């Protein structure tokens, strides 16, 4: 019919939204910037250099990988920038400059593009990069912690035989020396709660401030880019299993201390919720998050590393297809032959 409006015919489901992949990705990047700014203030300009190298390396690796594999160049969509930020956020601030470059190659080329590119990777690329660095350069990845600048003078003297780990993370002190050493190093429990929540503690570049990570995660929930199911189930399960199995030596059965001492908030809000490597159904999300929390506590208490968030997420990633299959939505169409 002349003058009739043009109609778009496409395969269902039909969803109309003003959002785009680029907008979502760059919004996540914006939510990740406040922890970086605080980290620069706490640890110094070194954190900005490491982060810039990581982001630039991931973007370059993305472009080179797509060119080598004869795929369209999509570095403007922000996915490589997010991987670079997250990779930098899970490594110590004092590592050599070549560390994030190698991690970027592993994260982008191997964990992402050799598995099919964006939307096809099984594992979280940034965490694969970190796991690779931990396996190949364990000394560099476990001895480059920096104390907060305001406490640099205080951290020179520890006493009680823990001088050699004066810039160790809280989880390291808890695992190897116990809760009494943690309080000797960081002050009273009330001081520990406040400092750890804000971010005044040694740790990876982007994991220290639970406050800013929580604000960023809540904003993503407000925008409906993520839902509450995975973050809440991760945090609650870490707290619960720590309360049940933590014991007096490590966490004093203290759930709050457990979720503030490591990378729980970063993992829960910004890594476990990755669209490609996390489930989409609500029951599957809850089980996925609870599994991450349980494995995190298991690795912390029984494993060789003091932190377990990275490996817990990577161990749960391959289970996502099974979880999606178990909780597949009911079909409305009648069965064939009915």
C-alpha atoms as a PDB file:
ATOM      1  CA  UNK A   1       0.000   0.000   0.000  1.00  0.00           C
ATOM      2  CA  UNK A   2       1.367   3.370  -0.998  1.00  0.00           C
ATOM      3  CA  UNK A   3       2.260   5.528   1.987  1.00  0.00           C
ATOM      4  CA  UNK A   4       2.081   2.661   4.502  1.00  0.00           C
ATOM      5  CA  UNK A   5       4.786   2.730   7.217  1.00  0.00           C
ATOM      6  CA  UNK A   6       7.693   0.370   6.809  1.00  0.00           C
ATOM      7  CA  UNK A   7       7.680  -2.579   9.190  1.00  0.00           C
ATOM      8  CA  UNK A   8      10.728  -4.401  10.525  1.00  0.00           C
ATOM      9  CA  UNK A   9      10.339  -8.171  10.436  1.00  0.00           C
ATOM     10  CA  UNK A  10      12.704 -10.128  12.681  1.00  0.00           C
ATOM     11  CA  UNK A  11      12.947 -13.332  14.689  1.00  0.00           C
ATOM     12  CA  UNK A  12      11.488 -13.273  18.213  1.00  0.00           C
ATOM     13  CA  UNK A  13      11.900 -12.371  21.008  1.00  0.00           C
ATOM     14  CA  UNK A  14      11.226  -8.717  20.231  1.00  0.00           C
ATOM     15  CA  UNK A  15      12.823  -6.294  22.679  1.00  0.00           C
ATOM     16  CA  UNK A  16      12.875  -2.562  22.094  1.00  0.00           C
ATOM     17  CA  UNK A  17      15.413  -0.620  24.127  1.00  0.00           C
ATOM     18  CA  UNK A  18      17.530   2.474  23.884  1.00  0.00           C
ATOM     19  CA  UNK A  19      20.482   0.592  25.347  1.00  0.00           C
ATOM     20  CA  UNK A  20      23.361  -0.721  23.260  1.00  0.00           C
ATOM     21  CA  UNK A  21      26.401  -2.868  23.885  1.00  0.00           C
ATOM     22  CA  UNK A  22      28.638   0.193  23.690  1.00  0.00           C
ATOM     23  CA  UNK A  23      26.543   2.181  26.155  1.00  0.00           C
ATOM     24  CA  UNK A  24      26.463  -0.670  28.671  1.00  0.00           C
ATOM     25  CA  UNK A  25      30.200  -1.328  28.394  1.00  0.00           C
ATOM     26  CA  UNK A  26      31.233   2.291  28.829  1.00  0.00           C
ATOM     27  CA  UNK A  27      28.817   2.685  31.742  1.00  0.00           C
ATOM     28  CA  UNK A  28      30.576  -0.213  33.458  1.00  0.00           C
ATOM     29  CA  UNK A  29      33.912   1.471  32.743  1.00  0.00           C
ATOM     30  CA  UNK A  30      32.615   4.668  34.355  1.00  0.00           C
ATOM     31  CA  UNK A  31      31.519   2.715  37.438  1.00  0.00           C
ATOM     32  CA  UNK A  32      35.001   1.220  37.720  1.00  0.00           C
ATOM     33  CA  UNK A  33      36.817   4.567  37.646  1.00  0.00           C
ATOM     34  CA  UNK A  34      36.126   5.768  41.236  1.00  0.00           C
ATOM     35  CA  UNK A  35      37.995   2.787  42.790  1.00  0.00           C
ATOM     36  CA  UNK A  36      40.939   3.612  40.517  1.00  0.00           C
ATOM     37  CA  UNK A  37      40.976   7.243  41.623  1.00  0.00           C
ATOM     38  CA  UNK A  38      40.963   6.177  45.277  1.00  0.00           C
ATOM     39  CA  UNK A  39      43.690   3.609  44.589  1.00  0.00           C
ATOM     40  CA  UNK A  40      45.895   6.344  43.101  1.00  0.00           C
ATOM     41  CA  UNK A  41      45.312   8.405  46.225  1.00  0.00           C
ATOM     42  CA  UNK A  42      46.074   5.429  48.518  1.00  0.00           C
ATOM     43  CA  UNK A  43      48.996   3.728  46.738  1.00  0.00           C
ATOM     44  CA  UNK A  44      50.391   6.453  44.492  1.00  0.00           C
ATOM     45  CA  UNK A  45      50.763   7.094  40.767  1.00  0.00           C
ATOM     46  CA  UNK A  46      52.084   3.554  40.208  1.00  0.00           C
ATOM     47  CA  UNK A  47      48.518   2.254  40.134  1.00  0.00           C
ATOM     48  CA  UNK A  48      47.560   4.626  37.328  1.00  0.00           C
ATOM     49  CA  UNK A  49      50.584   3.548  35.269  1.00  0.00           C
ATOM     50  CA  UNK A  50      49.819  -0.152  35.716  1.00  0.00           C
ATOM     51  CA  UNK A  51      46.160   0.397  34.847  1.00  0.00           C
ATOM     52  CA  UNK A  52      46.955   2.485  31.777  1.00  0.00           C
ATOM     53  CA  UNK A  53      49.378  -0.169  30.517  1.00  0.00           C
ATOM     54  CA  UNK A  54      46.805  -2.901  31.110  1.00  0.00           C
ATOM     55  CA  UNK A  55      43.988  -1.080  29.296  1.00  0.00           C
ATOM     56  CA  UNK A  56      46.209  -0.038  26.384  1.00  0.00           C
ATOM     57  CA  UNK A  57      47.582  -3.584  26.064  1.00  0.00           C
ATOM     58  CA  UNK A  58      44.101  -5.122  26.051  1.00  0.00           C
ATOM     59  CA  UNK A  59      42.823  -2.680  23.422  1.00  0.00           C
ATOM     60  CA  UNK A  60      45.906  -3.288  21.259  1.00  0.00           C
ATOM     61  CA  UNK A  61      45.614  -7.053  21.705  1.00  0.00           C
ATOM     62  CA  UNK A  62      41.926  -6.840  20.740  1.00  0.00           C
ATOM     63  CA  UNK A  63      42.659  -4.978  17.518  1.00  0.00           C
ATOM     64  CA  UNK A  64      45.597  -7.218  16.602  1.00  0.00           C
ATOM     65  CA  UNK A  65      43.672 -10.401  17.396  1.00  0.00           C
ATOM     66  CA  UNK A  66      40.714  -9.358  15.279  1.00  0.00           C
ATOM     67  CA  UNK A  67      42.974  -8.409  12.389  1.00  0.00           C
ATOM     68  CA  UNK A  68      44.885 -11.709  12.569  1.00  0.00           C
ATOM     69  CA  UNK A  69      41.649 -13.697  12.733  1.00  0.00           C
ATOM     70  CA  UNK A  70      40.020 -11.610   9.942  1.00  0.00           C
ATOM     71  CA  UNK A  71      37.243 -10.262  12.127  1.00  0.00           C
ATOM     72  CA  UNK A  72      35.794  -6.737  12.299  1.00  0.00           C
ATOM     73  CA  UNK A  73      37.707  -4.360  14.577  1.00  0.00           C
ATOM     74  CA  UNK A  74      35.430  -3.551  17.532  1.00  0.00           C
ATOM     75  CA  UNK A  75      37.715  -1.807  20.004  1.00  0.00           C
ATOM     76  CA  UNK A  76      35.253   1.072  20.321  1.00  0.00           C
ATOM     77  CA  UNK A  77      32.626  -1.056  22.053  1.00  0.00           C
ATOM     78  CA  UNK A  78      34.461  -0.869  25.388  1.00  0.00           C
ATOM     79  CA  UNK A  79      34.737  -4.600  26.079  1.00  0.00           C
ATOM     80  CA  UNK A  80      38.525  -4.625  25.770  1.00  0.00           C
ATOM     81  CA  UNK A  81      38.772  -1.553  28.004  1.00  0.00           C
ATOM     82  CA  UNK A  82      36.718  -3.311  30.687  1.00  0.00           C
ATOM     83  CA  UNK A  83      38.964  -6.371  30.483  1.00  0.00           C
ATOM     84  CA  UNK A  84      42.014  -4.120  30.829  1.00  0.00           C
ATOM     85  CA  UNK A  85      40.561  -2.370  33.872  1.00  0.00           C
ATOM     86  CA  UNK A  86      39.545  -5.599  35.577  1.00  0.00           C
ATOM     87  CA  UNK A  87      42.905  -7.204  34.849  1.00  0.00           C
ATOM     88  CA  UNK A  88      44.692  -4.255  36.427  1.00  0.00           C
ATOM     89  CA  UNK A  89      42.314  -4.314  39.380  1.00  0.00           C
ATOM     90  CA  UNK A  90      43.227  -7.906  40.318  1.00  0.00           C
ATOM     91  CA  UNK A  91      47.017  -7.521  40.317  1.00  0.00           C
ATOM     92  CA  UNK A  92      49.207  -5.876  42.987  1.00  0.00           C
ATOM     93  CA  UNK A  93      50.101  -2.204  42.478  1.00  0.00           C
ATOM     94  CA  UNK A  94      53.851  -2.794  42.651  1.00  0.00           C
ATOM     95  CA  UNK A  95      54.273  -5.335  39.831  1.00  0.00           C
ATOM     96  CA  UNK A  96      56.736  -4.738  36.966  1.00  0.00           C
ATOM     97  CA  UNK A  97      55.275  -2.983  33.939  1.00  0.00           C
ATOM     98  CA  UNK A  98      55.532  -6.045  31.700  1.00  0.00           C
ATOM     99  CA  UNK A  99      53.177  -8.063  33.904  1.00  0.00           C
ATOM    100  CA  UNK A 100      49.913  -6.467  32.672  1.00  0.00           C
ATOM    101  CA  UNK A 101      51.115  -6.704  29.052  1.00  0.00           C
ATOM    102  CA  UNK A 102      51.519 -10.481  29.270  1.00  0.00           C
ATOM    103  CA  UNK A 103      48.244 -10.767  31.141  1.00  0.00           C
ATOM    104  CA  UNK A 104      46.475  -8.763  28.433  1.00  0.00           C
ATOM    105  CA  UNK A 105      47.713 -11.066  25.668  1.00  0.00           C
ATOM    106  CA  UNK A 106      46.504 -14.117  27.565  1.00  0.00           C
ATOM    107  CA  UNK A 107      43.162 -12.516  28.440  1.00  0.00           C
ATOM    108  CA  UNK A 108      42.303 -11.093  25.018  1.00  0.00           C
ATOM    109  CA  UNK A 109      43.970 -13.333  22.451  1.00  0.00           C
ATOM    110  CA  UNK A 110      43.820 -16.719  24.185  1.00  0.00           C
ATOM    111  CA  UNK A 111      40.855 -16.562  26.579  1.00  0.00           C
ATOM    112  CA  UNK A 112      38.636 -14.451  24.341  1.00  0.00           C
ATOM    113  CA  UNK A 113      39.401 -14.577  20.627  1.00  0.00           C
ATOM    114  CA  UNK A 114      40.773 -18.105  20.291  1.00  0.00           C
ATOM    115  CA  UNK A 115      37.512 -19.231  21.886  1.00  0.00           C
ATOM    116  CA  UNK A 116      35.431 -17.386  19.304  1.00  0.00           C
ATOM    117  CA  UNK A 117      35.480 -13.718  20.313  1.00  0.00           C
ATOM    118  CA  UNK A 118      33.046 -11.660  22.330  1.00  0.00           C
ATOM    119  CA  UNK A 119      29.995 -13.670  23.332  1.00  0.00           C
ATOM    120  CA  UNK A 120      31.695 -17.056  22.898  1.00  0.00           C
ATOM    121  CA  UNK A 121      34.358 -17.161  25.627  1.00  0.00           C
ATOM    122  CA  UNK A 122      33.777 -19.754  28.351  1.00  0.00           C
ATOM    123  CA  UNK A 123      35.848 -18.083  31.066  1.00  0.00           C
ATOM    124  CA  UNK A 124      36.110 -14.508  32.267  1.00  0.00           C
ATOM    125  CA  UNK A 125      39.078 -13.167  30.223  1.00  0.00           C
ATOM    126  CA  UNK A 126      40.500 -10.874  32.921  1.00  0.00           C
ATOM    127  CA  UNK A 127      40.526 -13.691  35.469  1.00  0.00           C
ATOM    128  CA  UNK A 128      42.203 -16.051  33.011  1.00  0.00           C
ATOM    129  CA  UNK A 129      44.879 -13.381  32.601  1.00  0.00           C
ATOM    130  CA  UNK A 130      45.326 -13.163  36.369  1.00  0.00           C
ATOM    131  CA  UNK A 131      45.393 -16.956  36.795  1.00  0.00           C
ATOM    132  CA  UNK A 132      48.052 -17.186  34.082  1.00  0.00           C
ATOM    133  CA  UNK A 133      50.181 -14.542  35.797  1.00  0.00           C
ATOM    134  CA  UNK A 134      49.813 -16.244  39.176  1.00  0.00           C
ATOM    135  CA  UNK A 135      50.869 -19.590  37.722  1.00  0.00           C
ATOM    136  CA  UNK A 136      53.838 -18.304  35.726  1.00  0.00           C
ATOM    137  CA  UNK A 137      55.103 -15.417  37.865  1.00  0.00           C
ATOM    138  CA  UNK A 138      54.018 -16.236  41.432  1.00  0.00           C
ATOM    139  CA  UNK A 139      56.792 -14.260  43.102  1.00  0.00           C
ATOM    140  CA  UNK A 140      56.023 -11.077  41.185  1.00  0.00           C
ATOM    141  CA  UNK A 141      52.311 -11.499  41.822  1.00  0.00           C
ATOM    142  CA  UNK A 142      52.605 -12.169  45.563  1.00  0.00           C
ATOM    143  CA  UNK A 143      55.401  -9.822  46.640  1.00  0.00           C
ATOM    144  CA  UNK A 144      54.434  -6.507  45.046  1.00  0.00           C
ATOM    145  CA  UNK A 145      51.991  -5.243  47.663  1.00  0.00           C
ATOM    146  CA  UNK A 146      52.206  -1.612  48.663  1.00  0.00           C
ATOM    147  CA  UNK A 147      51.017  -0.138  51.979  1.00  0.00           C
ATOM    148  CA  UNK A 148      48.709   2.872  51.947  1.00  0.00           C
ATOM    149  CA  UNK A 149      50.844   6.009  51.646  1.00  0.00           C
ATOM    150  CA  UNK A 150      49.537   7.398  54.933  1.00  0.00           C
ATOM    151  CA  UNK A 151      50.716   4.257  56.768  1.00  0.00           C
ATOM    152  CA  UNK A 152      54.049   3.749  55.011  1.00  0.00           C
ATOM    153  CA  UNK A 153      56.044   4.820  58.061  1.00  0.00           C
ATOM    154  CA  UNK A 154      53.955   2.719  60.445  1.00  0.00           C
ATOM    155  CA  UNK A 155      54.213  -0.388  58.284  1.00  0.00           C
ATOM    156  CA  UNK A 156      58.002  -0.428  58.573  1.00  0.00           C
ATOM    157  CA  UNK A 157      57.699  -1.831  62.060  1.00  0.00           C
ATOM    158  CA  UNK A 158      55.432  -4.792  62.708  1.00  0.00           C
ATOM    159  CA  UNK A 159      56.868  -6.791  65.579  1.00  0.00           C
ATOM    160  CA  UNK A 160      55.879 -10.315  66.628  1.00  0.00           C
ATOM    161  CA  UNK A 161      57.884 -11.901  63.840  1.00  0.00           C
ATOM    162  CA  UNK A 162      55.860 -10.580  60.922  1.00  0.00           C
ATOM    163  CA  UNK A 163      58.245  -7.853  59.758  1.00  0.00           C
ATOM    164  CA  UNK A 164      58.933  -9.736  56.527  1.00  0.00           C
ATOM    165  CA  UNK A 165      55.322  -9.330  55.429  1.00  0.00           C
ATOM    166  CA  UNK A 166      54.884  -5.707  56.443  1.00  0.00           C
ATOM    167  CA  UNK A 167      52.944  -4.986  53.251  1.00  0.00           C
ATOM    168  CA  UNK A 168      51.068  -8.277  53.073  1.00  0.00           C
ATOM    169  CA  UNK A 169      47.342  -8.272  52.429  1.00  0.00           C
ATOM    170  CA  UNK A 170      44.907  -8.812  55.301  1.00  0.00           C
ATOM    171  CA  UNK A 171      44.039 -12.277  53.962  1.00  0.00           C
ATOM    172  CA  UNK A 172      47.719 -13.251  53.955  1.00  0.00           C
ATOM    173  CA  UNK A 173      48.131 -12.130  57.563  1.00  0.00           C
ATOM    174  CA  UNK A 174      44.952 -13.973  58.566  1.00  0.00           C
ATOM    175  CA  UNK A 175      45.959 -17.187  56.836  1.00  0.00           C
ATOM    176  CA  UNK A 176      49.554 -17.345  58.076  1.00  0.00           C
ATOM    177  CA  UNK A 177      49.503 -15.497  61.395  1.00  0.00           C
ATOM    178  CA  UNK A 178      45.909 -15.436  62.602  1.00  0.00           C
ATOM    179  CA  UNK A 179      43.445 -12.802  63.710  1.00  0.00           C
ATOM    180  CA  UNK A 180      45.610 -11.528  66.575  1.00  0.00           C
ATOM    181  CA  UNK A 181      48.328 -10.537  64.120  1.00  0.00           C
ATOM    182  CA  UNK A 182      45.697  -8.837  61.943  1.00  0.00           C
ATOM    183  CA  UNK A 183      44.613  -6.620  64.827  1.00  0.00           C
ATOM    184  CA  UNK A 184      48.213  -5.930  65.778  1.00  0.00           C
ATOM    185  CA  UNK A 185      48.911  -4.787  62.235  1.00  0.00           C
ATOM    186  CA  UNK A 186      45.707  -2.883  61.447  1.00  0.00           C
ATOM    187  CA  UNK A 187      44.381  -1.805  64.850  1.00  0.00           C
ATOM    188  CA  UNK A 188      41.153  -2.569  66.672  1.00  0.00           C
ATOM    189  CA  UNK A 189      38.315  -4.410  65.010  1.00  0.00           C
ATOM    190  CA  UNK A 190      36.256  -1.238  64.640  1.00  0.00           C
ATOM    191  CA  UNK A 191      39.210   0.450  62.913  1.00  0.00           C
ATOM    192  CA  UNK A 192      39.607  -2.562  60.656  1.00  0.00           C
ATOM    193  CA  UNK A 193      35.962  -2.455  59.612  1.00  0.00           C
ATOM    194  CA  UNK A 194      36.112   1.243  58.740  1.00  0.00           C
ATOM    195  CA  UNK A 195      39.461   1.161  56.928  1.00  0.00           C
ATOM    196  CA  UNK A 196      38.693  -1.995  54.977  1.00  0.00           C
ATOM    197  CA  UNK A 197      35.270  -0.719  53.919  1.00  0.00           C
ATOM    198  CA  UNK A 198      36.708   2.558  52.628  1.00  0.00           C
ATOM    199  CA  UNK A 199      39.839   0.980  51.144  1.00  0.00           C
ATOM    200  CA  UNK A 200      42.757   1.814  53.438  1.00  0.00           C
ATOM    201  CA  UNK A 201      44.541  -1.517  53.279  1.00  0.00           C
ATOM    202  CA  UNK A 202      47.084  -3.340  51.122  1.00  0.00           C
ATOM    203  CA  UNK A 203      45.566  -5.266  48.251  1.00  0.00           C
ATOM    204  CA  UNK A 204      45.123  -5.418  44.505  1.00  0.00           C
ATOM    205  CA  UNK A 205      44.653  -2.127  42.685  1.00  0.00           C
ATOM    206  CA  UNK A 206      40.883  -2.118  42.390  1.00  0.00           C
ATOM    207  CA  UNK A 207      39.632  -4.457  45.088  1.00  0.00           C
ATOM    208  CA  UNK A 208      40.333  -2.519  48.276  1.00  0.00           C
ATOM    209  CA  UNK A 209      37.344  -0.142  48.487  1.00  0.00           C
ATOM    210  CA  UNK A 210      34.175  -2.098  49.205  1.00  0.00           C
ATOM    211  CA  UNK A 211      32.333   1.227  49.473  1.00  0.00           C
ATOM    212  CA  UNK A 212      33.044   2.450  45.937  1.00  0.00           C
ATOM    213  CA  UNK A 213      32.566  -0.997  44.419  1.00  0.00           C
ATOM    214  CA  UNK A 214      29.220  -1.266  46.186  1.00  0.00           C
ATOM    215  CA  UNK A 215      28.135   2.140  44.874  1.00  0.00           C
ATOM    216  CA  UNK A 216      29.148   1.190  41.337  1.00  0.00           C
ATOM    217  CA  UNK A 217      27.350  -2.139  41.590  1.00  0.00           C
ATOM    218  CA  UNK A 218      24.179  -0.530  42.909  1.00  0.00           C
ATOM    219  CA  UNK A 219      24.219   1.910  40.003  1.00  0.00           C
ATOM    220  CA  UNK A 220      24.448  -0.982  37.545  1.00  0.00           C
ATOM    221  CA  UNK A 221      21.461  -2.543  39.299  1.00  0.00           C
ATOM    222  CA  UNK A 222      19.575   0.743  39.061  1.00  0.00           C
ATOM    223  CA  UNK A 223      20.264   0.811  35.320  1.00  0.00           C
ATOM    224  CA  UNK A 224      19.172  -2.840  35.161  1.00  0.00           C
ATOM    225  CA  UNK A 225      22.431  -3.869  33.541  1.00  0.00           C
ATOM    226  CA  UNK A 226      22.811  -6.494  36.256  1.00  0.00           C
ATOM    227  CA  UNK A 227      20.427  -7.980  38.811  1.00  0.00           C
ATOM    228  CA  UNK A 228      20.928  -8.487  42.523  1.00  0.00           C
ATOM    229  CA  UNK A 229      20.868 -12.278  42.428  1.00  0.00           C
ATOM    230  CA  UNK A 230      24.536 -13.075  41.726  1.00  0.00           C
ATOM    231  CA  UNK A 231      26.178 -10.313  43.823  1.00  0.00           C
ATOM    232  CA  UNK A 232      23.968 -10.934  46.851  1.00  0.00           C
ATOM    233  CA  UNK A 233      24.314 -14.717  46.664  1.00  0.00           C
ATOM    234  CA  UNK A 234      28.116 -14.418  46.406  1.00  0.00           C
ATOM    235  CA  UNK A 235      28.429 -12.047  49.368  1.00  0.00           C
ATOM    236  CA  UNK A 236      25.897 -13.877  51.551  1.00  0.00           C
ATOM    237  CA  UNK A 237      27.436 -17.294  50.858  1.00  0.00           C
ATOM    238  CA  UNK A 238      30.956 -16.045  51.644  1.00  0.00           C
ATOM    239  CA  UNK A 239      29.662 -14.606  54.913  1.00  0.00           C
ATOM    240  CA  UNK A 240      27.658 -17.732  55.784  1.00  0.00           C
ATOM    241  CA  UNK A 241      30.354 -20.314  55.073  1.00  0.00           C
ATOM    242  CA  UNK A 242      32.941 -18.195  56.851  1.00  0.00           C
ATOM    243  CA  UNK A 243      30.666 -18.000  59.886  1.00  0.00           C
ATOM    244  CA  UNK A 244      30.209 -21.787  59.846  1.00  0.00           C
ATOM    245  CA  UNK A 245      33.739 -22.937  58.983  1.00  0.00           C
ATOM    246  CA  UNK A 246      36.038 -19.929  59.585  1.00  0.00           C
ATOM    247  CA  UNK A 247      37.266 -20.864  63.014  1.00  0.00           C
ATOM    248  CA  UNK A 248      39.024 -18.665  65.534  1.00  0.00           C
ATOM    249  CA  UNK A 249      42.440 -18.595  63.876  1.00  0.00           C
ATOM    250  CA  UNK A 250      41.472 -17.284  60.451  1.00  0.00           C
ATOM    251  CA  UNK A 251      38.319 -15.201  60.608  1.00  0.00           C
ATOM    252  CA  UNK A 252      37.105 -15.696  64.191  1.00  0.00           C
ATOM    253  CA  UNK A 253      33.879 -16.803  62.509  1.00  0.00           C
ATOM    254  CA  UNK A 254      33.470 -13.169  61.490  1.00  0.00           C
ATOM    255  CA  UNK A 255      31.445 -12.857  58.240  1.00  0.00           C
ATOM    256  CA  UNK A 256      31.950  -9.103  57.920  1.00  0.00           C
ATOM    257  CA  UNK A 257      35.710  -9.440  58.190  1.00  0.00           C
ATOM    258  CA  UNK A 258      35.658 -12.118  55.493  1.00  0.00           C
ATOM    259  CA  UNK A 259      33.787 -10.071  52.899  1.00  0.00           C
ATOM    260  CA  UNK A 260      35.833  -6.905  53.542  1.00  0.00           C
ATOM    261  CA  UNK A 261      39.293  -8.525  53.553  1.00  0.00           C
ATOM    262  CA  UNK A 262      39.665  -9.487  49.891  1.00  0.00           C
ATOM    263  CA  UNK A 263      38.155  -9.082  46.460  1.00  0.00           C
ATOM    264  CA  UNK A 264      34.618 -10.260  47.224  1.00  0.00           C
ATOM    265  CA  UNK A 265      32.873  -7.037  46.199  1.00  0.00           C
ATOM    266  CA  UNK A 266      34.860  -6.656  42.969  1.00  0.00           C
ATOM    267  CA  UNK A 267      34.216 -10.254  42.022  1.00  0.00           C
ATOM    268  CA  UNK A 268      30.551 -10.226  43.021  1.00  0.00           C
ATOM    269  CA  UNK A 269      29.503  -7.057  41.200  1.00  0.00           C
ATOM    270  CA  UNK A 270      31.859  -6.771  38.231  1.00  0.00           C
ATOM    271  CA  UNK A 271      33.217 -10.244  37.391  1.00  0.00           C
ATOM    272  CA  UNK A 272      30.686 -12.879  38.375  1.00  0.00           C
ATOM    273  CA  UNK A 273      27.986 -10.845  36.572  1.00  0.00           C
ATOM    274  CA  UNK A 274      29.752 -10.914  33.203  1.00  0.00           C
ATOM    275  CA  UNK A 275      27.015 -11.425  30.603  1.00  0.00           C
ATOM    276  CA  UNK A 276      28.831 -14.114  28.634  1.00  0.00           C
ATOM    277  CA  UNK A 277      30.101 -16.286  31.489  1.00  0.00           C
ATOM    278  CA  UNK A 278      27.157 -16.109  33.904  1.00  0.00           C
ATOM    279  CA  UNK A 279      23.663 -17.656  33.716  1.00  0.00           C
ATOM    280  CA  UNK A 280      20.532 -15.738  32.791  1.00  0.00           C
ATOM    281  CA  UNK A 281      17.828 -17.589  34.741  1.00  0.00           C
ATOM    282  CA  UNK A 282      17.140 -16.469  38.333  1.00  0.00           C
ATOM    283  CA  UNK A 283      17.508 -19.895  40.045  1.00  0.00           C
ATOM    284  CA  UNK A 284      20.710 -20.525  38.081  1.00  0.00           C
ATOM    285  CA  UNK A 285      22.074 -17.119  39.118  1.00  0.00           C
ATOM    286  CA  UNK A 286      21.481 -17.871  42.788  1.00  0.00           C
ATOM    287  CA  UNK A 287      23.176 -21.265  42.572  1.00  0.00           C
ATOM    288  CA  UNK A 288      26.010 -19.795  40.515  1.00  0.00           C
ATOM    289  CA  UNK A 289      26.662 -17.067  43.098  1.00  0.00           C
ATOM    290  CA  UNK A 290      26.366 -19.438  46.049  1.00  0.00           C
ATOM    291  CA  UNK A 291      28.850 -21.792  44.397  1.00  0.00           C
ATOM    292  CA  UNK A 292      31.323 -18.956  43.933  1.00  0.00           C
ATOM    293  CA  UNK A 293      30.981 -18.002  47.602  1.00  0.00           C
ATOM    294  CA  UNK A 294      31.398 -21.570  48.826  1.00  0.00           C
ATOM    295  CA  UNK A 295      34.463 -22.188  46.650  1.00  0.00           C
ATOM    296  CA  UNK A 296      35.969 -18.869  47.726  1.00  0.00           C
ATOM    297  CA  UNK A 297      35.773 -19.848  51.390  1.00  0.00           C
ATOM    298  CA  UNK A 298      37.057 -23.373  50.641  1.00  0.00           C
ATOM    299  CA  UNK A 299      40.112 -22.023  48.815  1.00  0.00           C
ATOM    300  CA  UNK A 300      40.774 -19.428  51.504  1.00  0.00           C
ATOM    301  CA  UNK A 301      40.620 -21.940  54.340  1.00  0.00           C
ATOM    302  CA  UNK A 302      42.152 -25.027  52.742  1.00  0.00           C
ATOM    303  CA  UNK A 303      44.001 -23.878  49.608  1.00  0.00           C
ATOM    304  CA  UNK A 304      47.524 -22.613  49.139  1.00  0.00           C
ATOM    305  CA  UNK A 305      46.467 -19.046  48.273  1.00  0.00           C
ATOM    306  CA  UNK A 306      44.921 -16.691  50.819  1.00  0.00           C
ATOM    307  CA  UNK A 307      42.336 -15.428  48.289  1.00  0.00           C
ATOM    308  CA  UNK A 308      39.944 -17.573  46.287  1.00  0.00           C
ATOM    309  CA  UNK A 309      37.525 -15.287  44.414  1.00  0.00           C
ATOM    310  CA  UNK A 310      39.377 -15.516  41.073  1.00  0.00           C
ATOM    311  CA  UNK A 311      39.565 -19.295  40.997  1.00  0.00           C
ATOM    312  CA  UNK A 312      36.048 -19.715  42.379  1.00  0.00           C
ATOM    313  CA  UNK A 313      34.574 -17.728  39.480  1.00  0.00           C
ATOM    314  CA  UNK A 314      36.695 -19.588  36.929  1.00  0.00           C
ATOM    315  CA  UNK A 315      35.611 -22.944  38.376  1.00  0.00           C
ATOM    316  CA  UNK A 316      31.945 -21.974  38.171  1.00  0.00           C
ATOM    317  CA  UNK A 317      32.129 -20.523  34.627  1.00  0.00           C
ATOM    318  CA  UNK A 318      32.080 -23.923  32.828  1.00  0.00           C
ATOM    319  CA  UNK A 319      28.972 -24.934  34.799  1.00  0.00           C
ATOM    320  CA  UNK A 320      26.889 -22.117  33.324  1.00  0.00           C
ATOM    321  CA  UNK A 321      25.567 -24.137  30.315  1.00  0.00           C
ATOM    322  CA  UNK A 322      24.482 -26.927  32.674  1.00  0.00           C
ATOM    323  CA  UNK A 323      22.751 -24.466  35.008  1.00  0.00           C
ATOM    324  CA  UNK A 324      20.974 -22.863  32.068  1.00  0.00           C
ATOM    325  CA  UNK A 325      19.827 -26.295  30.910  1.00  0.00           C
ATOM    326  CA  UNK A 326      18.543 -27.302  34.344  1.00  0.00           C
ATOM    327  CA  UNK A 327      16.466 -24.150  34.695  1.00  0.00           C
ATOM    328  CA  UNK A 328      15.353 -23.751  31.106  1.00  0.00           C
ATOM    329  CA  UNK A 329      12.072 -21.785  30.891  1.00  0.00           C
ATOM    330  CA  UNK A 330       8.920 -23.768  30.144  1.00  0.00           C
ATOM    331  CA  UNK A 331       7.905 -23.763  26.498  1.00  0.00           C
ATOM    332  CA  UNK A 332       4.546 -22.236  25.633  1.00  0.00           C
ATOM    333  CA  UNK A 333       4.286 -24.010  22.289  1.00  0.00           C
ATOM    334  CA  UNK A 334       2.870 -27.571  22.378  1.00  0.00           C
ATOM    335  CA  UNK A 335       5.286 -30.465  22.115  1.00  0.00           C
ATOM    336  CA  UNK A 336       5.888 -31.931  18.672  1.00  0.00           C
ATOM    337  CA  UNK A 337       3.193 -34.448  17.824  1.00  0.00           C
ATOM    338  CA  UNK A 338       0.889 -33.332  20.657  1.00  0.00           C
END
